[in-house]
Protein backbone atom coordinates (compact mmCIF):
# COMPACT_ATOMS: atom_id res chain seq x y z
CA UNK A 1 14.56 8.74 -72.96
CA UNK A 2 15.33 5.93 -70.47
CA UNK A 3 18.68 7.58 -69.67
CA UNK A 4 16.91 10.84 -68.74
CA UNK A 5 14.45 8.96 -66.53
CA UNK A 6 17.33 7.15 -64.78
CA UNK A 7 19.15 10.45 -64.19
CA UNK A 8 15.98 12.00 -62.78
CA UNK A 9 15.57 9.09 -60.35
CA UNK A 10 19.22 9.34 -59.33
CA UNK A 11 18.85 13.07 -58.72
CA UNK A 12 15.79 12.46 -56.54
CA UNK A 13 17.65 9.81 -54.56
CA UNK A 14 20.62 12.12 -53.96
CA UNK A 15 18.42 15.08 -52.99
CA UNK A 16 16.13 12.99 -50.76
CA UNK A 17 18.02 13.70 -47.53
CA UNK A 18 18.14 17.49 -48.02
CA UNK A 19 14.56 18.31 -47.07
CA UNK A 20 15.39 19.13 -43.43
CA UNK A 21 13.94 15.91 -41.99
CA UNK A 22 15.78 13.06 -40.30
CA UNK A 23 15.35 10.02 -42.53
CA UNK A 24 17.85 7.75 -40.78
CA UNK A 25 15.06 5.73 -39.20
CA UNK A 26 13.91 4.82 -42.72
CA UNK A 27 17.01 2.74 -43.34
CA UNK A 28 19.18 5.32 -45.07
CA UNK A 29 22.88 4.83 -44.39
CA UNK A 30 24.63 7.88 -42.98
CA UNK A 31 28.40 8.14 -43.26
CA UNK A 32 30.00 6.32 -40.35
CA UNK A 33 33.54 5.82 -39.19
CA UNK A 34 35.17 3.51 -36.64
CA UNK A 35 38.26 4.36 -34.59
CA UNK A 36 40.02 3.86 -31.27
CA UNK A 37 39.10 6.36 -28.57
CA UNK A 38 40.02 7.10 -24.96
CA UNK A 39 37.42 8.49 -22.58
CA UNK A 40 38.44 11.74 -20.86
CA UNK A 41 35.12 12.59 -19.14
CA UNK A 42 31.50 11.53 -19.47
CA UNK A 43 28.06 12.74 -18.41
CA UNK A 44 25.55 9.89 -18.21
CA UNK A 45 22.59 12.25 -17.67
CA UNK A 46 23.39 14.29 -20.80
CA UNK A 47 24.59 11.16 -22.70
CA UNK A 48 27.81 12.89 -23.74
CA UNK A 49 31.50 12.02 -23.46
CA UNK A 50 34.73 13.89 -24.09
CA UNK A 51 36.83 11.51 -26.19
CA UNK A 52 40.34 11.53 -27.61
CA UNK A 53 39.82 9.72 -30.88
CA UNK A 54 41.93 8.57 -33.78
CA UNK A 55 41.12 9.96 -37.24
CA UNK A 56 37.58 9.39 -38.51
CA UNK A 57 38.37 9.59 -42.24
CA UNK A 58 34.86 8.79 -43.51
CA UNK A 59 33.63 11.81 -41.55
CA UNK A 60 36.56 14.05 -42.52
CA UNK A 61 37.79 14.33 -38.92
CA UNK A 62 41.47 14.23 -37.92
CA UNK A 63 42.52 12.75 -34.58
CA UNK A 64 41.56 15.11 -31.75
CA UNK A 65 39.80 15.51 -28.41
CA UNK A 66 36.14 16.50 -28.63
CA UNK A 67 32.70 15.93 -27.16
CA UNK A 68 30.41 13.29 -28.65
CA UNK A 69 26.75 12.57 -28.06
CA UNK A 70 26.11 8.93 -27.12
CA UNK A 71 23.16 7.35 -28.91
CA UNK A 72 20.36 5.67 -26.98
CA UNK A 73 21.08 1.96 -26.89
CA UNK A 74 24.84 2.46 -26.43
CA UNK A 75 25.99 1.32 -22.97
CA UNK A 76 26.99 4.49 -21.07
CA UNK A 77 28.83 2.42 -18.45
CA UNK A 78 31.56 1.83 -21.07
CA UNK A 79 32.39 5.56 -20.96
CA UNK A 80 34.32 5.61 -17.69
CA UNK A 81 37.22 8.12 -17.67
CA UNK A 82 40.38 6.35 -18.83
CA UNK A 83 38.54 3.60 -20.72
CA UNK A 84 39.98 2.56 -24.11
CA UNK A 85 37.17 1.95 -26.60
CA UNK A 86 36.55 1.22 -30.23
CA UNK A 87 33.75 3.56 -31.34
CA UNK A 88 31.67 3.95 -34.45
CA UNK A 89 30.35 7.47 -34.99
CA UNK A 90 28.11 9.33 -37.42
CA UNK A 91 27.67 13.03 -38.08
CA UNK A 92 24.18 14.26 -37.23
CA UNK A 93 22.40 17.58 -36.86
CA UNK A 94 23.73 17.90 -33.29
CA UNK A 95 27.31 16.94 -34.17
CA UNK A 96 29.13 13.66 -33.83
CA UNK A 97 27.25 10.79 -32.24
CA UNK A 98 28.66 7.47 -31.06
CA UNK A 99 26.30 4.78 -32.37
CA UNK A 100 28.39 1.75 -31.30
CA UNK A 101 31.08 1.23 -28.65
CA UNK A 102 33.00 -1.68 -27.23
CA UNK A 103 36.10 -2.05 -25.08
CA UNK A 104 39.24 -1.86 -27.22
CA UNK A 105 40.68 -5.31 -27.88
CA UNK A 106 43.78 -6.08 -25.85
CA UNK A 107 46.87 -6.68 -27.96
């Protein structure tokens, strides 16, 4: 009987995020991936940037050039065309979002 109860709780925990609501502000951890990226273009007003990024394996993304949303709280001044950054991104309802960014460490 305890095994069935544990499985029911696990099922509820797994299904919790599928009710169409954003629960990330409740402390749930979304998949995130960190990679090197180069800024091609950016739009501070729209909080978007076109980035060439290395593979984001935790998000199932190969290396490519694509547009990202930039989360509030991330410094948009880092996203100058030509800048080399290390980004951390998550997949949200509106696509990929950069949630952290810093200048790429010089080697």
